[in-house]
Amino acid sequence: MKKTPIKRKRSTPRKWQPTKNEKAMARVICCLRVMGRCEDCGRVTPLVEGHLHHMHGKRRFGWMESDHQQHLWLCAACHHGRHNPKVVPAKEKP
């Protein structure tokens, strides 16, 4: 019988990952920058319901920037749409 390895939580984040406090501050700053509105549809999205969307790859570009302009404040529907874009079906050949 095969043993499954025990997954342990990391005590400190990886070198390119923010701490929980840094992540929380980025959410607050981004929400305040757009006054609590989704940047795609304009819907009022409070801090507890909003999603922080990262514009670039986190591993390649790093998570934080000094001006926080690489983050978007989105509602749940728009955030889902950013990660799952609609696929346009290919036209059938006659």
Protein backbone atom coordinates (compact mmCIF):
# COMPACT_ATOMS: atom_id res chain seq x y z
CA MET A 1 0.00 0.00 0.00
CA LYS A 2 1.35 3.38 -1.04
CA LYS A 3 1.72 6.12 1.58
CA THR A 4 0.59 9.60 0.70
CA PRO A 5 3.02 12.31 1.70
CA ILE A 6 1.93 14.76 4.37
CA LYS A 7 1.64 18.31 3.06
CA ARG A 8 2.79 20.89 5.55
CA LYS A 9 2.08 24.61 5.44
CA ARG A 10 5.05 26.86 4.83
CA SER A 11 6.01 28.99 7.80
CA THR A 12 7.24 31.81 5.53
CA PRO A 13 6.16 32.64 1.98
CA ARG A 14 8.44 31.95 -0.96
CA LYS A 15 10.80 34.75 -1.97
CA TRP A 16 8.49 36.03 -4.74
CA GLN A 17 5.27 35.69 -2.70
CA PRO A 18 3.85 38.42 -0.43
CA THR A 19 2.98 37.87 3.20
CA LYS A 20 -0.68 37.86 4.26
CA ASN A 21 -0.37 41.45 5.50
CA GLU A 22 1.14 42.64 2.21
CA LYS A 23 -1.62 40.91 0.26
CA ALA A 24 -4.29 42.51 2.49
CA MET A 25 -2.72 45.96 2.04
CA ALA A 26 -2.62 45.52 -1.75
CA ARG A 27 -6.36 44.68 -1.70
CA VAL A 28 -7.18 47.77 0.37
CA ILE A 29 -5.03 50.09 -1.77
CA CYS A 30 -6.48 48.75 -5.02
CA CYS A 31 -10.08 48.99 -3.74
CA LEU A 32 -9.54 52.57 -2.56
CA ARG A 33 -7.83 53.56 -5.83
CA VAL A 34 -11.00 52.73 -7.82
CA MET A 35 -13.40 53.75 -5.03
CA GLY A 36 -14.85 50.25 -4.64
CA ARG A 37 -16.02 49.77 -8.23
CA CYS A 38 -15.20 46.95 -10.63
CA GLU A 39 -12.74 48.20 -13.26
CA ASP A 40 -14.43 46.22 -16.06
CA CYS A 41 -18.18 46.69 -15.56
CA GLY A 42 -18.35 49.52 -12.99
CA ARG A 43 -20.43 47.52 -10.50
CA VAL A 44 -20.03 48.53 -6.83
CA THR A 45 -17.77 45.88 -5.34
CA PRO A 46 -16.95 46.24 -1.63
CA LEU A 47 -13.69 45.06 -0.12
CA VAL A 48 -15.07 41.73 1.16
CA GLU A 49 -16.59 40.79 -2.23
CA GLY A 50 -13.97 42.12 -4.64
CA HIS A 51 -11.19 40.19 -6.33
CA LEU A 52 -7.64 41.40 -6.82
CA HIS A 53 -6.55 40.44 -10.34
CA HIS A 54 -2.86 40.42 -11.22
CA MET A 55 -2.16 41.79 -14.68
CA HIS A 56 1.09 39.89 -15.36
CA GLY A 57 2.48 36.51 -14.40
CA LYS A 58 3.31 36.59 -10.70
CA ARG A 59 6.40 34.42 -10.93
CA ARG A 60 7.94 36.26 -13.86
CA PHE A 61 7.25 39.86 -12.86
CA GLY A 62 7.01 39.63 -9.08
CA TRP A 63 3.90 40.09 -7.02
CA MET A 64 4.17 43.64 -5.73
CA GLU A 65 4.99 46.93 -7.38
CA SER A 66 5.48 50.22 -5.61
CA ASP A 67 2.51 51.88 -7.31
CA HIS A 68 0.21 48.80 -7.35
CA GLN A 69 -0.80 49.62 -10.91
CA GLN A 70 -0.40 46.03 -12.04
CA HIS A 71 -3.48 44.97 -10.04
CA LEU A 72 -7.10 45.29 -11.13
CA TRP A 73 -10.10 45.43 -8.79
CA LEU A 74 -12.83 43.22 -10.25
CA CYS A 75 -16.20 41.78 -9.24
CA ALA A 76 -16.48 37.98 -9.12
CA ALA A 77 -18.13 37.69 -12.55
CA CYS A 78 -15.51 39.84 -14.32
CA HIS A 79 -12.66 38.06 -12.54
CA HIS A 80 -14.05 34.71 -13.68
CA GLY A 81 -14.31 36.09 -17.21
CA ARG A 82 -10.65 37.20 -17.17
CA HIS A 83 -9.48 33.70 -16.26
CA ASN A 84 -11.97 31.86 -18.49
CA PRO A 85 -12.41 33.85 -21.72
CA LYS A 86 -15.19 32.78 -24.03
CA VAL A 87 -13.95 30.57 -26.83
CA VAL A 88 -15.33 31.48 -30.23
CA PRO A 89 -16.12 28.30 -32.17
CA ALA A 90 -14.37 27.87 -35.50
CA LYS A 91 -16.47 28.35 -38.64
CA GLU A 92 -17.33 25.18 -40.50
CA LYS A 93 -15.90 24.80 -43.98
CA PRO A 94 -18.53 24.31 -46.75
